[in-house]
Protein backbone atom coordinates (compact mmCIF):
# COMPACT_ATOMS: atom_id res chain seq x y z
CA MET A 1 -2.11 -2.33 -15.57
CA VAL A 2 1.00 -0.52 -17.23
CA GLU A 3 3.90 0.36 -14.29
CA GLU A 4 4.83 4.10 -14.24
CA LYS A 5 8.33 5.03 -14.50
CA TYR A 6 9.81 7.16 -11.39
CA GLY A 7 12.93 8.34 -10.18
CA VAL A 8 13.67 6.31 -6.52
CA LYS A 9 12.49 9.44 -4.56
CA ASP A 10 9.28 9.95 -6.75
CA PRO A 11 5.84 8.92 -5.51
CA LYS A 12 4.06 5.90 -6.48
CA ILE A 13 0.11 5.42 -7.21
CA ILE A 14 -0.12 4.20 -3.76
CA ASP A 15 1.52 7.08 -2.43
CA ARG A 16 -1.62 9.02 -4.83
CA VAL A 17 -4.36 6.86 -3.59
CA VAL A 18 -3.62 6.96 0.20
CA GLY A 19 -3.26 10.30 0.11
CA SER A 20 -6.66 11.12 -1.80
CA LYS A 21 -7.83 8.54 1.02
CA VAL A 22 -6.65 10.84 3.65
CA GLN A 23 -8.27 13.95 2.22
CA GLN A 24 -11.29 12.26 1.49
CA LEU A 25 -11.59 11.05 5.29
CA ARG A 26 -10.76 14.33 6.84
CA LEU A 27 -13.23 16.44 4.61
CA SER A 28 -16.07 13.59 5.39
CA GLN A 29 -15.51 14.55 8.96
CA GLY A 30 -15.39 18.29 8.63
CA MET A 31 -12.01 18.74 8.98
CA SER A 32 -9.46 21.42 7.46
CA ARG A 33 -5.89 20.75 6.74
CA GLN A 34 -4.94 23.03 9.27
CA ASP A 35 -7.02 21.40 11.69
CA LEU A 36 -5.53 17.95 11.15
CA GLY A 37 -2.14 19.80 10.67
CA ASP A 38 -2.60 21.18 14.19
CA ILE A 39 -3.30 17.88 15.66
CA LEU A 40 -0.31 16.41 13.90
CA GLY A 41 2.20 18.74 14.26
CA ILE A 42 2.94 20.02 10.91
CA THR A 43 1.76 22.62 8.69
CA HIS A 44 -1.11 22.45 5.91
CA GLN A 45 1.13 22.52 3.35
CA GLN A 46 2.75 19.29 4.37
CA LEU A 47 -0.48 17.93 4.83
CA GLN A 48 -1.47 18.93 1.34
CA LYS A 49 1.45 17.66 -0.12
CA TYR A 50 0.53 14.30 1.62
CA GLU A 51 -2.73 14.61 0.24
CA LYS A 52 -2.07 15.15 -3.21
CA GLY A 53 0.83 12.30 -3.38
CA VAL A 54 3.79 14.72 -4.03
CA ASN A 55 5.59 13.38 -0.52
CA ARG A 56 4.98 10.08 0.71
CA ILE A 57 4.14 9.63 3.86
CA THR A 58 6.28 7.32 6.30
CA VAL A 59 4.24 4.93 8.48
CA SER A 60 4.66 6.37 11.56
CA ARG A 61 3.00 9.43 10.12
CA LEU A 62 0.19 7.36 8.91
CA ALA A 63 -0.54 5.83 12.02
CA ASP A 64 -0.84 9.00 13.46
CA ILE A 65 -3.00 10.70 10.76
CA ALA A 66 -5.08 7.32 11.29
CA GLN A 67 -5.49 7.60 15.11
CA ALA A 68 -6.46 11.26 14.46
CA LEU A 69 -9.26 10.37 12.07
CA GLY A 70 -10.40 7.43 14.16
CA VAL A 71 -9.59 4.74 12.07
CA SER A 72 -7.24 1.59 11.46
CA VAL A 73 -4.18 2.44 9.00
CA VAL A 74 -5.59 -0.64 6.78
CA TYR A 75 -8.65 1.55 6.15
CA PHE A 76 -5.82 3.72 3.41
CA PHE A 77 -5.08 0.24 1.80
CA GLU A 78 -8.43 -1.67 1.61
CA GLY A 79 -9.58 -2.01 -1.64
CA ASN A 80 -6.48 -0.76 -4.06
CA GLU A 81 -5.41 -2.20 -6.96
CA GLY A 82 -1.76 -1.78 -6.04
CA VAL A 83 -2.03 -2.96 -2.20
CA GLN A 84 -3.18 -6.44 -3.89
CA GLU A 85 -0.60 -6.20 -6.36
CA MET A 86 2.12 -5.75 -3.17
CA THR A 87 -0.17 -8.94 -1.45
CA SER A 88 0.51 -10.78 -4.54
CA GLN A 89 4.50 -10.18 -5.01
CA ARG A 90 4.60 -10.79 -1.23
CA LEU A 91 2.50 -14.29 -1.72
CA CYS A 92 4.74 -14.99 -4.65
CA MET A 93 7.77 -14.37 -3.06
CA GLU A 94 6.97 -16.75 -0.09
CA VAL A 95 5.85 -19.75 -2.54
CA MET A 96 9.01 -19.26 -4.56
CA ARG A 97 11.05 -19.48 -0.85
CA ASP A 98 9.20 -22.69 0.11
CA PHE A 99 9.62 -24.30 -3.34
CA ASN A 100 13.29 -23.85 -3.07
CA ARG A 101 13.38 -25.72 0.49
CA ILE A 102 11.93 -28.72 -1.49
CA VAL A 103 15.05 -30.95 -1.87
CA ARG A 104 13.69 -33.97 -3.92
CA LYS A 105 13.58 -33.11 -7.62
CA GLU A 106 10.17 -35.59 -7.94
CA GLN A 107 8.35 -32.92 -5.46
CA ARG A 108 8.99 -30.02 -7.20
CA GLU A 109 7.94 -31.57 -10.47
CA ALA A 110 4.48 -32.19 -8.88
CA VAL A 111 4.03 -29.04 -7.22
CA ARG A 112 4.93 -27.09 -10.72
CA GLN A 113 2.17 -29.61 -12.11
CA ILE A 114 -0.15 -28.92 -9.90
CA ILE A 115 0.58 -24.82 -10.17
CA LYS A 116 0.34 -25.83 -13.66
CA VAL A 117 -2.99 -27.02 -13.24
CA LEU A 118 -4.54 -24.33 -11.14
CA ALA A 119 -3.57 -21.74 -13.43
CA ALA A 120 -5.14 -23.32 -16.25
CA ASP A 121 -8.90 -22.28 -14.56
């Protein structure tokens, strides 16, 4: 996957994916943007920006949206390649942190060899 170049405040792919899922779920429940906006205390224009991925949805706002639509926040991230990539990056950082705690050189080399063998499969 080619990484897109954005400024710091520009939305990322995940912002568009989550926004699209909000829109799909809202429509499947027969709600207008105005209906959901009223529940959330935001304008339908702001909701449209969220749905299009123009504006990022904060975690607290996403929790409110999930509650209003009767789903878990996890729903918006299930099956997304971007989420899988973030999970993989987090796992790599955890492995790296733990690897750096290994003091003995021989043990570090053994772990490296195990990873090399597993990666070859």
